């Protein structure tokens, strides 16, 4: 299949207006319409396209707007799942972690972790468990776990409190940039001939007498209304799957339980080591991570059952306090809320268990595929690490249910857009996540002769232009939250950048001055929800 690019090598379908025009002019429907542009939906769309199906993906906000941009930034087998005895999930995730490292080396890397131990029993318990973790991963293991002496632990991680410390266990897992992986997947879908558009909300779905589906869609940007048809509907909307299913059956009962996890972002002075810290047992029996990411430190996460979920979830006071209190037990310099640069919350869509009383932290992170009586396929549960396997299982299920000939998955060996040799990636380079596009962007910056809008976060007029022209960024939030990660790394700096970014985007998108004011006001309000001092008020 030819890559839909223009003569300058740009992805034509990143032009949103041209993309919608193409959809409207299409005379036939699609084999599959995927609803949801997070990890699950993007993975499913790419899986289907590479098996020869025509696919339309619709996202009502921006790609990875929800849970898929708010992870702990780990591609991991799941040490905690091992403690729960879920060997199958650990093996599956470990294998997928290896595929991700191979297919997206510009976004995924081997991260060394230290687990502090305070007794001989802990040393034995954790080294045994982590050796098992290595063994389960097999040839896709990222490195062997080993004991580290007290002296070496303190030398390698000087900000770790030495009180009672007996040493540590070193183990290896993966780290990545979640929303940047989502954007790479979108670009790969475009390059493979798929159709994927953001800010297109599904308002209704109807099955026709011939078995096809008609989807009513509203364009959030223009308020235009459209109808698209497809042979199969796949619901990959995460915590919002039940909303889609109720469009088809108003009596549908909830199929997911929602759990909230938050993360606090600190300056690296709290843990300057290139190695990450894993606290194996917090006061509520969970694990807590302190992970270096984009020259900041991410602390998380929590697991709080939520009854009412929102597009922009807010961190609860007790969650912020929980992370700060548990981190304080292990760090020489205990962080306080005034030290927090940003706090972000994400929602986990967990497949609801038969026993409604089970705690969310005990619900399996395995995925499950269900088919409604009318034939809507829905993905429940899952996590970023296993997104590719989830997608493979979904297309297998569609083919089996619809009586179609089975096709072979090729995505285990499919590099995503931007993929380069791992040896060519320098994760200390501020532009590393652009991968194969990095040199083009740097050349544009040099040739522009213009200064950076923010040197600290490498924000330049040319990086904004690239996001608009190549990555379908439509709002200030799209750029500062997901094309770059400024909002997640430093909400105050993101707030300062709103005005200059809006001005550049307005010129690129042909917007009026009123759009600039609306964008700045909306984004400043969003920034406030990422600042713990404001949340306290």
Foldseek 3Di string as FASTA:
>chain_A
DFFCADPVRFQVVLQPVVLVVVQQPDPDFWAEEEEAQALQRLLLLLQQLVLPTAYAYEAQAARCLAQLQADLQFQALDLPVVVVVVLVSSLLSLLLQLLCCQQQVLFKDKAKEKEWDQDPVRVVVVLVSQQVSQVSSPPSAPDHKDWAALVRQCVQWVQWDSVSTGGIIMGITMGGRRLLVSLLSVLQSNRSPYRYHYSKDFDAWDADPVQKIKTWIARNVPRDIDIGIHNAYEYEHFPCSVVHVCSVPVPDDDFWWKWKWKKFKFACVQTVHQHKYWHCQAPVGHIWIFHQDLRITIIYIDTHTDDDDDSADFDDPVGVVRRQVRSQVTGNDRDDQVRTQWMGMHMFTAGQDPPNVDGRVSGDQDWDWDADPSGHIYITGHDSSNSNVSSVVRVQVVCVVVVHDDTDGDSSNHRTPLDDPSVPADSNDLQSSNRPCSVVLVVVQVVVPDDAPDPSNRHRLSLLVCCVRRRNDQALCCVCVRSGNPLRHGLVVSLVCLQVSLVSNCVVVVHDPVRSVVRSVVSNVSSLSTRVVSVVD
